[in-house]
């Protein structure tokens, strides 16, 4: 799924793909992922929003 930081001044350039496997966000394109081992805010945003995670999980499994 694509997650966008709408609060950023240039939100269009701050959209990142988050991949879901077995109901867990596991991979994402955020540049933070390249430099840190912690989950970025985009990864967490998907993980803590159960309805979003549920829909994304169903989409990924199709």
Protein backbone atom coordinates (compact mmCIF):
# COMPACT_ATOMS: atom_id res chain seq x y z
CA UNK A 1 0.00 0.00 0.00
CA UNK A 2 1.13 3.59 -0.41
CA UNK A 3 1.33 5.84 2.63
CA UNK A 4 1.57 9.60 2.19
CA UNK A 5 2.67 12.17 4.76
CA UNK A 6 -0.11 14.71 4.22
CA UNK A 7 1.26 16.99 6.94
CA UNK A 8 4.49 17.56 4.98
CA UNK A 9 4.73 20.75 2.94
CA UNK A 10 5.43 18.67 -0.18
CA UNK A 11 3.26 15.62 0.53
CA UNK A 12 3.41 14.34 -3.06
CA UNK A 13 7.14 13.69 -2.69
CA UNK A 14 6.64 11.99 0.67
CA UNK A 15 4.68 8.91 -0.36
CA UNK A 16 6.11 5.49 0.38
CA UNK A 17 5.14 1.92 -0.38
CA UNK A 18 4.59 -0.34 2.64
CA UNK A 19 4.45 -4.09 1.98
CA UNK A 20 2.29 -6.31 4.18
CA UNK A 21 3.01 -10.00 4.86
CA UNK A 22 0.74 -12.07 7.09
CA UNK A 23 -0.85 -8.92 8.51
CA UNK A 24 2.46 -7.27 9.42
CA UNK A 25 4.13 -4.31 7.65
CA UNK A 26 7.52 -5.76 6.70
CA UNK A 27 9.11 -3.65 4.00
CA UNK A 28 8.85 -0.04 3.01
CA UNK A 29 10.49 2.45 0.66
CA UNK A 30 11.01 5.26 3.15
CA UNK A 31 14.58 6.60 3.10
CA UNK A 32 14.70 6.16 6.88
CA UNK A 33 14.79 2.40 6.24
CA UNK A 34 18.16 2.80 4.52
CA UNK A 35 19.82 4.40 7.55
CA UNK A 36 18.02 3.05 10.63
CA UNK A 37 16.88 -0.35 11.84
CA UNK A 38 13.82 1.07 13.62
CA UNK A 39 10.48 1.24 11.89
CA UNK A 40 9.74 4.58 10.26
CA UNK A 41 6.57 6.53 10.98
CA UNK A 42 4.99 5.22 7.75
CA UNK A 43 5.48 1.64 8.88
CA UNK A 44 4.07 2.41 12.33
CA UNK A 45 1.15 4.37 10.84
CA UNK A 46 -0.01 1.24 9.02
CA UNK A 47 0.66 -1.11 11.94
CA UNK A 48 -1.37 0.85 14.51
CA UNK A 49 -4.41 1.44 12.32
CA UNK A 50 -6.17 -1.90 12.41
CA UNK A 51 -8.77 -1.13 9.67
CA UNK A 52 -6.02 0.06 7.31
CA UNK A 53 -3.83 -2.95 8.08
CA UNK A 54 -6.77 -5.31 7.55
CA UNK A 55 -7.63 -3.88 4.14
CA UNK A 56 -3.97 -3.75 3.09
CA UNK A 57 -3.50 -7.36 4.18
CA UNK A 58 -6.51 -8.48 2.11
CA UNK A 59 -5.21 -6.54 -0.91
CA UNK A 60 -1.68 -7.98 -0.59
CA UNK A 61 -2.99 -11.53 -0.39
CA UNK A 62 -5.02 -11.24 -3.63
